[in-house]
Amino acid sequence: MSDKIKLLIAFLLVAAGVAGFYLLHDSPGVLRLISVLAGLLLATGVASTSESGKRFLVFGRESVAEAKRVVWPSRKETIQTTGVVIVFAITMALFLWTVDASLMMLVNKLMGRVE
């Protein structure tokens, strides 16, 4: 039950930050931005003390660790793969255009239309 209360408080803090943004419409933009950021930071702090917030933080840390273990392709591999994808896309576009134009000519001949 206390987790639900913490998450409700976090939601209300975000809502208060957004409300502050609109209530300070005559203030400088920086102050309005600080209002939203403060609401988000306070909400994050409160939400991180709940059980689901703690699990989310652990998930985030594990995701960062997993991303560090990924072997990313080199620049050369990326450029080659991109080239293959572009050539394939152009080839498929030309093939589909040819099929479409052929079918359209066939249908026009069957319908007795001459263009």
PDB file of N, CA and C in Angstrom:
ATOM      1  N   MET A   1       0.829  -1.198   0.000  1.00  0.00           N
ATOM      2  CA  MET A   1       0.000   0.000   0.000  1.00  0.00           C
ATOM      3  C   MET A   1       0.869   1.257   0.000  1.00  0.00           C
ATOM      4  N   SER A   2       1.984   1.211   0.753  1.00  0.00           N
ATOM      5  CA  SER A   2       2.828   2.404   0.817  1.00  0.00           C
ATOM      6  C   SER A   2       3.480   2.684  -0.539  1.00  0.00           C
ATOM      7  N   ASP A   3       3.731   1.608  -1.345  1.00  0.00           N
ATOM      8  CA  ASP A   3       4.282   1.838  -2.683  1.00  0.00           C
ATOM      9  C   ASP A   3       3.299   2.605  -3.556  1.00  0.00           C
ATOM     10  N   LYS A   4       2.026   2.284  -3.453  1.00  0.00           N
ATOM     11  CA  LYS A   4       1.025   2.990  -4.248  1.00  0.00           C
ATOM     12  C   LYS A   4       0.944   4.455  -3.838  1.00  0.00           C
ATOM     13  N   ILE A   5       1.079   4.709  -2.555  1.00  0.00           N
ATOM     14  CA  ILE A   5       1.053   6.097  -2.073  1.00  0.00           C
ATOM     15  C   ILE A   5       2.267   6.856  -2.601  1.00  0.00           C
ATOM     16  N   LYS A   6       3.446   6.190  -2.575  1.00  0.00           N
ATOM     17  CA  LYS A   6       4.656   6.836  -3.092  1.00  0.00           C
ATOM     18  C   LYS A   6       4.515   7.145  -4.581  1.00  0.00           C
ATOM     19  N   LEU A   7       3.968   6.216  -5.332  1.00  0.00           N
ATOM     20  CA  LEU A   7       3.793   6.457  -6.762  1.00  0.00           C
ATOM     21  C   LEU A   7       2.753   7.543  -7.021  1.00  0.00           C
ATOM     22  N   LEU A   8       1.721   7.608  -6.184  1.00  0.00           N
ATOM     23  CA  LEU A   8       0.733   8.682  -6.304  1.00  0.00           C
ATOM     24  C   LEU A   8       1.380  10.035  -6.024  1.00  0.00           C
ATOM     25  N   ILE A   9       2.210  10.089  -4.987  1.00  0.00           N
ATOM     26  CA  ILE A   9       2.914  11.340  -4.663  1.00  0.00           C
ATOM     27  C   ILE A   9       3.831  11.736  -5.817  1.00  0.00           C
ATOM     28  N   ALA A  10       4.521  10.742  -6.423  1.00  0.00           N
ATOM     29  CA  ALA A  10       5.403  11.030  -7.555  1.00  0.00           C
ATOM     30  C   ALA A  10       4.592  11.600  -8.719  1.00  0.00           C
ATOM     31  N   PHE A  11       3.439  11.012  -8.987  1.00  0.00           N
ATOM     32  CA  PHE A  11       2.584  11.521 -10.054  1.00  0.00           C
ATOM     33  C   PHE A  11       2.134  12.954  -9.759  1.00  0.00           C
ATOM     34  N   LEU A  12       1.759  13.203  -8.510  1.00  0.00           N
ATOM     35  CA  LEU A  12       1.327  14.552  -8.136  1.00  0.00           C
ATOM     36  C   LEU A  12       2.471  15.560  -8.261  1.00  0.00           C
ATOM     37  N   LEU A  13       3.700  15.127  -7.976  1.00  0.00           N
ATOM     38  CA  LEU A  13       4.849  16.034  -8.131  1.00  0.00           C
ATOM     39  C   LEU A  13       5.079  16.379  -9.601  1.00  0.00           C
ATOM     40  N   VAL A  14       4.925  15.397 -10.469  1.00  0.00           N
ATOM     41  CA  VAL A  14       5.045  15.685 -11.902  1.00  0.00           C
ATOM     42  C   VAL A  14       3.938  16.643 -12.332  1.00  0.00           C
ATOM     43  N   ALA A  15       2.724  16.380 -11.876  1.00  0.00           N
ATOM     44  CA  ALA A  15       1.599  17.257 -12.212  1.00  0.00           C
ATOM     45  C   ALA A  15       1.836  18.673 -11.683  1.00  0.00           C
ATOM     46  N   ALA A  16       2.413  18.773 -10.486  1.00  0.00           N
ATOM     47  CA  ALA A  16       2.705  20.098  -9.919  1.00  0.00           C
ATOM     48  C   ALA A  16       3.749  20.821 -10.760  1.00  0.00           C
ATOM     49  N   GLY A  17       4.758  20.094 -11.245  1.00  0.00           N
ATOM     50  CA  GLY A  17       5.767  20.722 -12.112  1.00  0.00           C
ATOM     51  C   GLY A  17       5.167  21.244 -13.396  1.00  0.00           C
ATOM     52  N   VAL A  18       4.288  20.447 -13.993  1.00  0.00           N
ATOM     53  CA  VAL A  18       3.628  20.877 -15.236  1.00  0.00           C
ATOM     54  C   VAL A  18       2.684  22.044 -14.950  1.00  0.00           C
ATOM     55  N   ALA A  19       1.970  21.980 -13.846  1.00  0.00           N
ATOM     56  CA  ALA A  19       1.078  23.090 -13.474  1.00  0.00           C
ATOM     57  C   ALA A  19       1.877  24.360 -13.237  1.00  0.00           C
ATOM     58  N   GLY A  20       3.043  24.216 -12.598  1.00  0.00           N
ATOM     59  CA  GLY A  20       3.909  25.380 -12.388  1.00  0.00           C
ATOM     60  C   GLY A  20       4.347  25.994 -13.704  1.00  0.00           C
ATOM     61  N   PHE A  21       4.594  25.155 -14.699  1.00  0.00           N
ATOM     62  CA  PHE A  21       4.974  25.649 -16.018  1.00  0.00           C
ATOM     63  C   PHE A  21       3.897  26.570 -16.578  1.00  0.00           C
ATOM     64  N   TYR A  22       2.636  26.169 -16.432  1.00  0.00           N
ATOM     65  CA  TYR A  22       1.543  26.975 -16.980  1.00  0.00           C
ATOM     66  C   TYR A  22       1.180  28.155 -16.077  1.00  0.00           C
ATOM     67  N   LEU A  23       1.349  27.996 -14.774  1.00  0.00           N
ATOM     68  CA  LEU A  23       1.041  29.105 -13.871  1.00  0.00           C
ATOM     69  C   LEU A  23       2.070  30.230 -13.975  1.00  0.00           C
ATOM     70  N   LEU A  24       3.278  29.881 -14.370  1.00  0.00           N
ATOM     71  CA  LEU A  24       4.336  30.890 -14.506  1.00  0.00           C
ATOM     72  C   LEU A  24       4.458  31.378 -15.947  1.00  0.00           C
ATOM     73  N   HIS A  25       3.341  31.509 -16.632  1.00  0.00           N
ATOM     74  CA  HIS A  25       3.368  31.890 -18.045  1.00  0.00           C
ATOM     75  C   HIS A  25       3.970  33.257 -18.294  1.00  0.00           C
ATOM     76  N   ASP A  26       3.966  34.151 -17.291  1.00  0.00           N
ATOM     77  CA  ASP A  26       4.556  35.479 -17.470  1.00  0.00           C
ATOM     78  C   ASP A  26       6.024  35.508 -17.070  1.00  0.00           C
ATOM     79  N   SER A  27       6.537  34.444 -16.501  1.00  0.00           N
ATOM     80  CA  SER A  27       7.928  34.370 -16.045  1.00  0.00           C
ATOM     81  C   SER A  27       8.845  33.978 -17.200  1.00  0.00           C
ATOM     82  N   PRO A  28      10.147  34.155 -16.996  1.00  0.00           N
ATOM     83  CA  PRO A  28      11.092  33.738 -18.043  1.00  0.00           C
ATOM     84  C   PRO A  28      10.999  32.229 -18.302  1.00  0.00           C
ATOM     85  N   GLY A  29      11.362  31.832 -19.506  1.00  0.00           N
ATOM     86  CA  GLY A  29      11.283  30.433 -19.897  1.00  0.00           C
ATOM     87  C   GLY A  29      12.144  29.519 -19.040  1.00  0.00           C
ATOM     88  N   VAL A  30      13.276  30.045 -18.569  1.00  0.00           N
ATOM     89  CA  VAL A  30      14.177  29.235 -17.742  1.00  0.00           C
ATOM     90  C   VAL A  30      13.485  28.847 -16.446  1.00  0.00           C
ATOM     91  N   LEU A  31      12.774  29.774 -15.835  1.00  0.00           N
ATOM     92  CA  LEU A  31      12.069  29.495 -14.586  1.00  0.00           C
ATOM     93  C   LEU A  31      10.963  28.465 -14.803  1.00  0.00           C
ATOM     94  N   ARG A  32      10.294  28.556 -15.937  1.00  0.00           N
ATOM     95  CA  ARG A  32       9.245  27.584 -16.254  1.00  0.00           C
ATOM     96  C   ARG A  32       9.844  26.197 -16.459  1.00  0.00           C
ATOM     97  N   LEU A  33      10.997  26.142 -17.117  1.00  0.00           N
ATOM     98  CA  LEU A  33      11.683  24.872 -17.330  1.00  0.00           C
ATOM     99  C   LEU A  33      12.160  24.278 -16.008  1.00  0.00           C
ATOM    100  N   ILE A  34      12.677  25.117 -15.131  1.00  0.00           N
ATOM    101  CA  ILE A  34      13.125  24.657 -13.813  1.00  0.00           C
ATOM    102  C   ILE A  34      11.953  24.075 -13.033  1.00  0.00           C
ATOM    103  N   SER A  35      10.777  24.664 -13.185  1.00  0.00           N
ATOM    104  CA  SER A  35       9.589  24.147 -12.512  1.00  0.00           C
ATOM    105  C   SER A  35       9.294  22.714 -12.931  1.00  0.00           C
ATOM    106  N   VAL A  36       9.337  22.451 -14.231  1.00  0.00           N
ATOM    107  CA  VAL A  36       9.064  21.101 -14.732  1.00  0.00           C
ATOM    108  C   VAL A  36      10.168  20.142 -14.306  1.00  0.00           C
ATOM    109  N   LEU A  37      11.420  20.568 -14.440  1.00  0.00           N
ATOM    110  CA  LEU A  37      12.531  19.700 -14.060  1.00  0.00           C
ATOM    111  C   LEU A  37      12.523  19.379 -12.571  1.00  0.00           C
ATOM    112  N   ALA A  38      12.194  20.349 -11.746  1.00  0.00           N
ATOM    113  CA  ALA A  38      12.127  20.104 -10.306  1.00  0.00           C
ATOM    114  C   ALA A  38      11.039  19.076  -9.993  1.00  0.00           C
ATOM    115  N   GLY A  39       9.894  19.207 -10.631  1.00  0.00           N
ATOM    116  CA  GLY A  39       8.824  18.238 -10.438  1.00  0.00           C
ATOM    117  C   GLY A  39       9.252  16.841 -10.853  1.00  0.00           C
ATOM    118  N   LEU A  40       9.938  16.751 -11.994  1.00  0.00           N
ATOM    119  CA  LEU A  40      10.404  15.447 -12.466  1.00  0.00           C
ATOM    120  C   LEU A  40      11.468  14.855 -11.541  1.00  0.00           C
ATOM    121  N   LEU A  41      12.409  15.680 -11.096  1.00  0.00           N
ATOM    122  CA  LEU A  41      13.468  15.182 -10.209  1.00  0.00           C
ATOM    123  C   LEU A  41      12.909  14.734  -8.863  1.00  0.00           C
ATOM    124  N   LEU A  42      12.022  15.517  -8.295  1.00  0.00           N
ATOM    125  CA  LEU A  42      11.420  15.121  -7.022  1.00  0.00           C
ATOM    126  C   LEU A  42      10.585  13.864  -7.182  1.00  0.00           C
ATOM    127  N   ALA A  43       9.849  13.772  -8.272  1.00  0.00           N
ATOM    128  CA  ALA A  43       9.044  12.578  -8.526  1.00  0.00           C
ATOM    129  C   ALA A  43       9.936  11.350  -8.699  1.00  0.00           C
ATOM    130  N   THR A  44      11.049  11.520  -9.386  1.00  0.00           N
ATOM    131  CA  THR A  44      11.989  10.411  -9.557  1.00  0.00           C
ATOM    132  C   THR A  44      12.543   9.962  -8.217  1.00  0.00           C
ATOM    133  N   GLY A  45      12.880  10.938  -7.370  1.00  0.00           N
ATOM    134  CA  GLY A  45      13.388  10.599  -6.044  1.00  0.00           C
ATOM    135  C   GLY A  45      12.378   9.831  -5.216  1.00  0.00           C
ATOM    136  N   VAL A  46      11.140  10.256  -5.247  1.00  0.00           N
ATOM    137  CA  VAL A  46      10.099   9.574  -4.466  1.00  0.00           C
ATOM    138  C   VAL A  46       9.805   8.200  -5.070  1.00  0.00           C
ATOM    139  N   ALA A  47       9.702   8.123  -6.394  1.00  0.00           N
ATOM    140  CA  ALA A  47       9.371   6.853  -7.048  1.00  0.00           C
ATOM    141  C   ALA A  47      10.483   5.826  -6.868  1.00  0.00           C
ATOM    142  N   SER A  48      11.735   6.291  -6.789  1.00  0.00           N
ATOM    143  CA  SER A  48      12.842   5.345  -6.642  1.00  0.00           C
ATOM    144  C   SER A  48      12.881   4.687  -5.266  1.00  0.00           C
ATOM    145  N   THR A  49      12.136   5.213  -4.305  1.00  0.00           N
ATOM    146  CA  THR A  49      12.093   4.582  -2.979  1.00  0.00           C
ATOM    147  C   THR A  49      11.045   3.473  -2.906  1.00  0.00           C
ATOM    148  N   SER A  50      10.188   3.366  -3.934  1.00  0.00           N
ATOM    149  CA  SER A  50       9.186   2.292  -3.946  1.00  0.00           C
ATOM    150  C   SER A  50       9.825   1.008  -4.464  1.00  0.00           C
ATOM    151  N   GLU A  51       9.160  -0.108  -4.242  1.00  0.00           N
ATOM    152  CA  GLU A  51       9.701  -1.397  -4.676  1.00  0.00           C
ATOM    153  C   GLU A  51       9.828  -1.465  -6.200  1.00  0.00           C
ATOM    154  N   SER A  52       8.806  -0.994  -6.912  1.00  0.00           N
ATOM    155  CA  SER A  52       8.875  -1.021  -8.373  1.00  0.00           C
ATOM    156  C   SER A  52       9.939  -0.047  -8.882  1.00  0.00           C
ATOM    157  N   GLY A  53      10.141   1.055  -8.183  1.00  0.00           N
ATOM    158  CA  GLY A  53      11.193   1.998  -8.554  1.00  0.00           C
ATOM    159  C   GLY A  53      12.575   1.400  -8.369  1.00  0.00           C
ATOM    160  N   LYS A  54      12.764   0.660  -7.292  1.00  0.00           N
ATOM    161  CA  LYS A  54      14.048  -0.006  -7.063  1.00  0.00           C
ATOM    162  C   LYS A  54      14.318  -1.053  -8.133  1.00  0.00           C
ATOM    163  N   ARG A  55      13.277  -1.804  -8.485  1.00  0.00           N
ATOM    164  CA  ARG A  55      13.439  -2.804  -9.548  1.00  0.00           C
ATOM    165  C   ARG A  55      13.784  -2.135 -10.875  1.00  0.00           C
ATOM    166  N   PHE A  56      13.164  -0.976 -11.132  1.00  0.00           N
ATOM    167  CA  PHE A  56      13.435  -0.244 -12.370  1.00  0.00           C
ATOM    168  C   PHE A  56      14.888   0.229 -12.409  1.00  0.00           C
ATOM    169  N   LEU A  57      15.396   0.707 -11.272  1.00  0.00           N
ATOM    170  CA  LEU A  57      16.793   1.153 -11.224  1.00  0.00           C
ATOM    171  C   LEU A  57      17.748  -0.014 -11.463  1.00  0.00           C
ATOM    172  N   VAL A  58      17.458  -1.171 -10.868  1.00  0.00           N
ATOM    173  CA  VAL A  58      18.295  -2.354 -11.099  1.00  0.00           C
ATOM    174  C   VAL A  58      18.250  -2.750 -12.573  1.00  0.00           C
ATOM    175  N   PHE A  59      17.062  -2.720 -13.154  1.00  0.00           N
ATOM    176  CA  PHE A  59      16.912  -3.027 -14.576  1.00  0.00           C
ATOM    177  C   PHE A  59      17.745  -2.057 -15.421  1.00  0.00           C
ATOM    178  N   GLY A  60      17.719  -0.763 -15.079  1.00  0.00           N
ATOM    179  CA  GLY A  60      18.497   0.235 -15.811  1.00  0.00           C
ATOM    180  C   GLY A  60      19.992  -0.040 -15.727  1.00  0.00           C
ATOM    181  N   ARG A  61      20.484  -0.374 -14.531  1.00  0.00           N
ATOM    182  CA  ARG A  61      21.907  -0.682 -14.371  1.00  0.00           C
ATOM    183  C   ARG A  61      22.295  -1.921 -15.174  1.00  0.00           C
ATOM    184  N   GLU A  62      21.449  -2.947 -15.145  1.00  0.00           N
ATOM    185  CA  GLU A  62      21.732  -4.165 -15.905  1.00  0.00           C
ATOM    186  C   GLU A  62      21.691  -3.901 -17.408  1.00  0.00           C
ATOM    187  N   SER A  63      20.815  -3.017 -17.846  1.00  0.00           N
ATOM    188  CA  SER A  63      20.730  -2.679 -19.267  1.00  0.00           C
ATOM    189  C   SER A  63      21.995  -1.971 -19.730  1.00  0.00           C
ATOM    190  N   VAL A  64      22.504  -1.061 -18.914  1.00  0.00           N
ATOM    191  CA  VAL A  64      23.738  -0.352 -19.263  1.00  0.00           C
ATOM    192  C   VAL A  64      24.898  -1.342 -19.324  1.00  0.00           C
ATOM    193  N   ALA A  65      24.974  -2.253 -18.356  1.00  0.00           N
ATOM    194  CA  ALA A  65      26.039  -3.255 -18.361  1.00  0.00           C
ATOM    195  C   ALA A  65      25.945  -4.142 -19.598  1.00  0.00           C
ATOM    196  N   GLU A  66      24.747  -4.517 -19.989  1.00  0.00           N
ATOM    197  CA  GLU A  66      24.544  -5.359 -21.179  1.00  0.00           C
ATOM    198  C   GLU A  66      24.940  -4.603 -22.442  1.00  0.00           C
ATOM    199  N   ALA A  67      24.615  -3.324 -22.513  1.00  0.00           N
ATOM    200  CA  ALA A  67      24.961  -2.525 -23.694  1.00  0.00           C
ATOM    201  C   ALA A  67      26.474  -2.392 -23.829  1.00  0.00           C
ATOM    202  N   LYS A  68      27.194  -2.382 -22.712  1.00  0.00           N
ATOM    203  CA  LYS A  68      28.654  -2.310 -22.765  1.00  0.00           C
ATOM    204  C   LYS A  68      29.260  -3.604 -23.291  1.00  0.00           C
ATOM    205  N   ARG A  69      28.574  -4.730 -23.130  1.00  0.00           N
ATOM    206  CA  ARG A  69      29.088  -6.017 -23.598  1.00  0.00           C
ATOM    207  C   ARG A  69      28.795  -6.276 -25.072  1.00  0.00           C
ATOM    208  N   VAL A  70      27.946  -5.466 -25.678  1.00  0.00           N
ATOM    209  CA  VAL A  70      27.589  -5.663 -27.084  1.00  0.00           C
ATOM    210  C   VAL A  70      28.790  -5.331 -27.963  1.00  0.00           C
ATOM    211  N   VAL A  71      29.018  -6.168 -28.970  1.00  0.00           N
ATOM    212  CA  VAL A  71      30.081  -5.895 -29.937  1.00  0.00           C
ATOM    213  C   VAL A  71      29.459  -5.127 -31.097  1.00  0.00           C
ATOM    214  N   TRP A  72      29.768  -3.848 -31.159  1.00  0.00           N
ATOM    215  CA  TRP A  72      29.185  -3.001 -32.186  1.00  0.00           C
ATOM    216  C   TRP A  72      29.967  -3.148 -33.481  1.00  0.00           C
ATOM    217  N   PRO A  73      29.298  -3.053 -34.646  1.00  0.00           N
ATOM    218  CA  PRO A  73      30.026  -3.188 -35.924  1.00  0.00           C
ATOM    219  C   PRO A  73      30.942  -1.998 -36.153  1.00  0.00           C
ATOM    220  N   SER A  74      31.993  -2.266 -36.939  1.00  0.00           N
ATOM    221  CA  SER A  74      32.933  -1.187 -37.259  1.00  0.00           C
ATOM    222  C   SER A  74      32.273  -0.236 -38.266  1.00  0.00           C
ATOM    223  N   ARG A  75      32.938   0.869 -38.490  1.00  0.00           N
ATOM    224  CA  ARG A  75      32.412   1.853 -39.443  1.00  0.00           C
ATOM    225  C   ARG A  75      32.320   1.236 -40.835  1.00  0.00           C
ATOM    226  N   LYS A  76      33.345   0.477 -41.222  1.00  0.00           N
ATOM    227  CA  LYS A  76      33.364  -0.157 -42.544  1.00  0.00           C
ATOM    228  C   LYS A  76      32.201  -1.137 -42.692  1.00  0.00           C
ATOM    229  N   GLU A  77      31.968  -1.961 -41.681  1.00  0.00           N
ATOM    230  CA  GLU A  77      30.859  -2.918 -41.730  1.00  0.00           C
ATOM    231  C   GLU A  77      29.511  -2.208 -41.825  1.00  0.00           C
ATOM    232  N   THR A  78      29.375  -1.123 -41.090  1.00  0.00           N
ATOM    233  CA  THR A  78      28.126  -0.362 -41.102  1.00  0.00           C
ATOM    234  C   THR A  78      27.862   0.232 -42.487  1.00  0.00           C
ATOM    235  N   ILE A  79      28.900   0.802 -43.095  1.00  0.00           N
ATOM    236  CA  ILE A  79      28.742   1.406 -44.423  1.00  0.00           C
ATOM    237  C   ILE A  79      28.420   0.335 -45.459  1.00  0.00           C
ATOM    238  N   GLN A  80      29.100  -0.827 -45.373  1.00  0.00           N
ATOM    239  CA  GLN A  80      28.830  -1.904 -46.330  1.00  0.00           C
ATOM    240  C   GLN A  80      27.406  -2.423 -46.188  1.00  0.00           C
ATOM    241  N   THR A  81      26.972  -2.629 -44.973  1.00  0.00           N
ATOM    242  CA  THR A  81      25.616  -3.123 -44.744  1.00  0.00           C
ATOM    243  C   THR A  81      24.582  -2.121 -45.230  1.00  0.00           C
ATOM    244  N   THR A  82      24.821  -0.843 -44.964  1.00  0.00           N
ATOM    245  CA  THR A  82      23.906   0.202 -45.433  1.00  0.00           C
ATOM    246  C   THR A  82      23.840   0.213 -46.954  1.00  0.00           C
ATOM    247  N   GLY A  83      24.985   0.044 -47.610  1.00  0.00           N
ATOM    248  CA  GLY A  83      25.021  -0.004 -49.072  1.00  0.00           C
ATOM    249  C   GLY A  83      24.215  -1.164 -49.616  1.00  0.00           C
ATOM    250  N   VAL A  84      24.354  -2.337 -48.987  1.00  0.00           N
ATOM    251  CA  VAL A  84      23.597  -3.508 -49.431  1.00  0.00           C
ATOM    252  C   VAL A  84      22.099  -3.265 -49.274  1.00  0.00           C
ATOM    253  N   VAL A  85      21.694  -2.664 -48.166  1.00  0.00           N
ATOM    254  CA  VAL A  85      20.274  -2.393 -47.933  1.00  0.00           C
ATOM    255  C   VAL A  85      19.736  -1.411 -48.974  1.00  0.00           C
ATOM    256  N   ILE A  86      20.494  -0.378 -49.286  1.00  0.00           N
ATOM    257  CA  ILE A  86      20.046   0.613 -50.269  1.00  0.00           C
ATOM    258  C   ILE A  86      19.932  -0.018 -51.662  1.00  0.00           C
ATOM    259  N   VAL A  87      20.935  -0.820 -52.052  1.00  0.00           N
ATOM    260  CA  VAL A  87      20.889  -1.484 -53.356  1.00  0.00           C
ATOM    261  C   VAL A  87      19.693  -2.436 -53.421  1.00  0.00           C
ATOM    262  N   PHE A  88      19.446  -3.185 -52.346  1.00  0.00           N
ATOM    263  CA  PHE A  88      18.309  -4.109 -52.326  1.00  0.00           C
ATOM    264  C   PHE A  88      16.987  -3.342 -52.435  1.00  0.00           C
ATOM    265  N   ALA A  89      16.882  -2.235 -51.729  1.00  0.00           N
ATOM    266  CA  ALA A  89      15.649  -1.444 -51.780  1.00  0.00           C
ATOM    267  C   ALA A  89      15.402  -0.904 -53.184  1.00  0.00           C
ATOM    268  N   ILE A  90      16.451  -0.428 -53.842  1.00  0.00           N
ATOM    269  CA  ILE A  90      16.300   0.090 -55.208  1.00  0.00           C
ATOM    270  C   ILE A  90      15.915  -1.036 -56.161  1.00  0.00           C
ATOM    271  N   THR A  91      16.576  -2.207 -56.006  1.00  0.00           N
ATOM    272  CA  THR A  91      16.263  -3.356 -56.854  1.00  0.00           C
ATOM    273  C   THR A  91      14.810  -3.785 -56.684  1.00  0.00           C
ATOM    274  N   MET A  92      14.349  -3.875 -55.453  1.00  0.00           N
ATOM    275  CA  MET A  92      12.961  -4.259 -55.202  1.00  0.00           C
ATOM    276  C   MET A  92      11.992  -3.222 -55.753  1.00  0.00           C
ATOM    277  N   ALA A  93      12.325  -1.951 -55.625  1.00  0.00           N
ATOM    278  CA  ALA A  93      11.449  -0.901 -56.151  1.00  0.00           C
ATOM    279  C   ALA A  93      11.321  -1.025 -57.666  1.00  0.00           C
ATOM    280  N   LEU A  94      12.447  -1.259 -58.347  1.00  0.00           N
ATOM    281  CA  LEU A  94      12.397  -1.413 -59.800  1.00  0.00           C
ATOM    282  C   LEU A  94      11.622  -2.671 -60.191  1.00  0.00           C
ATOM    283  N   PHE A  95      11.814  -3.767 -59.468  1.00  0.00           N
ATOM    284  CA  PHE A  95      11.085  -5.001 -59.750  1.00  0.00           C
ATOM    285  C   PHE A  95       9.586  -4.794 -59.574  1.00  0.00           C
ATOM    286  N   LEU A  96       9.186  -4.199 -58.467  1.00  0.00           N
ATOM    287  CA  LEU A  96       7.760  -3.985 -58.212  1.00  0.00           C
ATOM    288  C   LEU A  96       7.151  -3.011 -59.207  1.00  0.00           C
ATOM    289  N   TRP A  97       7.922  -1.998 -59.630  1.00  0.00           N
ATOM    290  CA  TRP A  97       7.442  -1.062 -60.633  1.00  0.00           C
ATOM    291  C   TRP A  97       7.208  -1.797 -61.958  1.00  0.00           C
ATOM    292  N   THR A  98       8.147  -2.703 -62.303  1.00  0.00           N
ATOM    293  CA  THR A  98       8.019  -3.475 -63.539  1.00  0.00           C
ATOM    294  C   THR A  98       6.788  -4.382 -63.493  1.00  0.00           C
ATOM    295  N   VAL A  99       6.608  -5.068 -62.384  1.00  0.00           N
ATOM    296  CA  VAL A  99       5.446  -5.950 -62.234  1.00  0.00           C
ATOM    297  C   VAL A  99       4.154  -5.131 -62.301  1.00  0.00           C
ATOM    298  N   ASP A 100       4.118  -4.010 -61.631  1.00  0.00           N
ATOM    299  CA  ASP A 100       2.929  -3.168 -61.623  1.00  0.00           C
ATOM    300  C   ASP A 100       2.610  -2.654 -63.024  1.00  0.00           C
ATOM    301  N   ALA A 101       3.634  -2.170 -63.712  1.00  0.00           N
ATOM    302  CA  ALA A 101       3.404  -1.655 -65.062  1.00  0.00           C
ATOM    303  C   ALA A 101       2.952  -2.770 -65.989  1.00  0.00           C
ATOM    304  N   SER A 102       3.526  -3.969 -65.870  1.00  0.00           N
ATOM    305  CA  SER A 102       3.127  -5.100 -66.718  1.00  0.00           C
ATOM    306  C   SER A 102       1.680  -5.493 -66.457  1.00  0.00           C
ATOM    307  N   LEU A 103       1.315  -5.581 -65.181  1.00  0.00           N
ATOM    308  CA  LEU A 103      -0.062  -5.934 -64.846  1.00  0.00           C
ATOM    309  C   LEU A 103      -1.040  -4.860 -65.321  1.00  0.00           C
ATOM    310  N   MET A 104      -0.648  -3.617 -65.237  1.00  0.00           N
ATOM    311  CA  MET A 104      -1.524  -2.542 -65.690  1.00  0.00           C
ATOM    312  C   MET A 104      -1.728  -2.621 -67.205  1.00  0.00           C
ATOM    313  N   MET A 105      -0.659  -2.929 -67.950  1.00  0.00           N
ATOM    314  CA  MET A 105      -0.797  -3.077 -69.406  1.00  0.00           C
ATOM    315  C   MET A 105      -1.684  -4.274 -69.740  1.00  0.00           C
ATOM    316  N   LEU A 106      -1.511  -5.376 -68.999  1.00  0.00           N
ATOM    317  CA  LEU A 106      -2.324  -6.567 -69.229  1.00  0.00           C
ATOM    318  C   LEU A 106      -3.805  -6.291 -68.973  1.00  0.00           C
ATOM    319  N   VAL A 107      -4.108  -5.620 -67.875  1.00  0.00           N
ATOM    320  CA  VAL A 107      -5.484  -5.283 -67.540  1.00  0.00           C
ATOM    321  C   VAL A 107      -6.072  -4.348 -68.582  1.00  0.00           C
ATOM    322  N   ASN A 108      -5.289  -3.372 -69.023  1.00  0.00           N
ATOM    323  CA  ASN A 108      -5.791  -2.443 -70.060  1.00  0.00           C
ATOM    324  C   ASN A 108      -6.091  -3.190 -71.371  1.00  0.00           C
ATOM    325  N   LYS A 109      -5.234  -4.155 -71.749  1.00  0.00           N
ATOM    326  CA  LYS A 109      -5.505  -4.930 -72.969  1.00  0.00           C
ATOM    327  C   LYS A 109      -6.752  -5.788 -72.812  1.00  0.00           C
ATOM    328  N   LEU A 110      -6.906  -6.396 -71.627  1.00  0.00           N
ATOM    329  CA  LEU A 110      -8.091  -7.216 -71.374  1.00  0.00           C
ATOM    330  C   LEU A 110      -9.357  -6.387 -71.345  1.00  0.00           C
ATOM    331  N   MET A 111      -9.277  -5.159 -70.918  1.00  0.00           N
ATOM    332  CA  MET A 111     -10.435  -4.268 -70.848  1.00  0.00           C
ATOM    333  C   MET A 111     -10.708  -3.588 -72.201  1.00  0.00           C
ATOM    334  N   GLY A 112      -9.789  -3.731 -73.127  1.00  0.00           N
ATOM    335  CA  GLY A 112      -9.982  -3.130 -74.460  1.00  0.00           C
ATOM    336  C   GLY A 112      -9.571  -1.681 -74.509  1.00  0.00           C
ATOM    337  N   ARG A 113      -8.862  -1.232 -73.529  1.00  0.00           N
ATOM    338  CA  ARG A 113      -8.389   0.163 -73.540  1.00  0.00           C
ATOM    339  C   ARG A 113      -7.030   0.234 -74.217  1.00  0.00           C
ATOM    340  N   VAL A 114      -6.849   1.231 -75.005  1.00  0.00           N
ATOM    341  CA  VAL A 114      -5.556   1.445 -75.658  1.00  0.00           C
ATOM    342  C   VAL A 114      -5.078   2.840 -75.265  1.00  0.00           C
ATOM    343  N   GLU A 115      -3.921   2.888 -74.747  1.00  0.00           N
ATOM    344  CA  GLU A 115      -3.410   4.206 -74.315  1.00  0.00           C
ATOM    345  C   GLU A 115      -2.233   4.602 -75.127  1.00  0.00           C
TER     346      GLU A 115
END
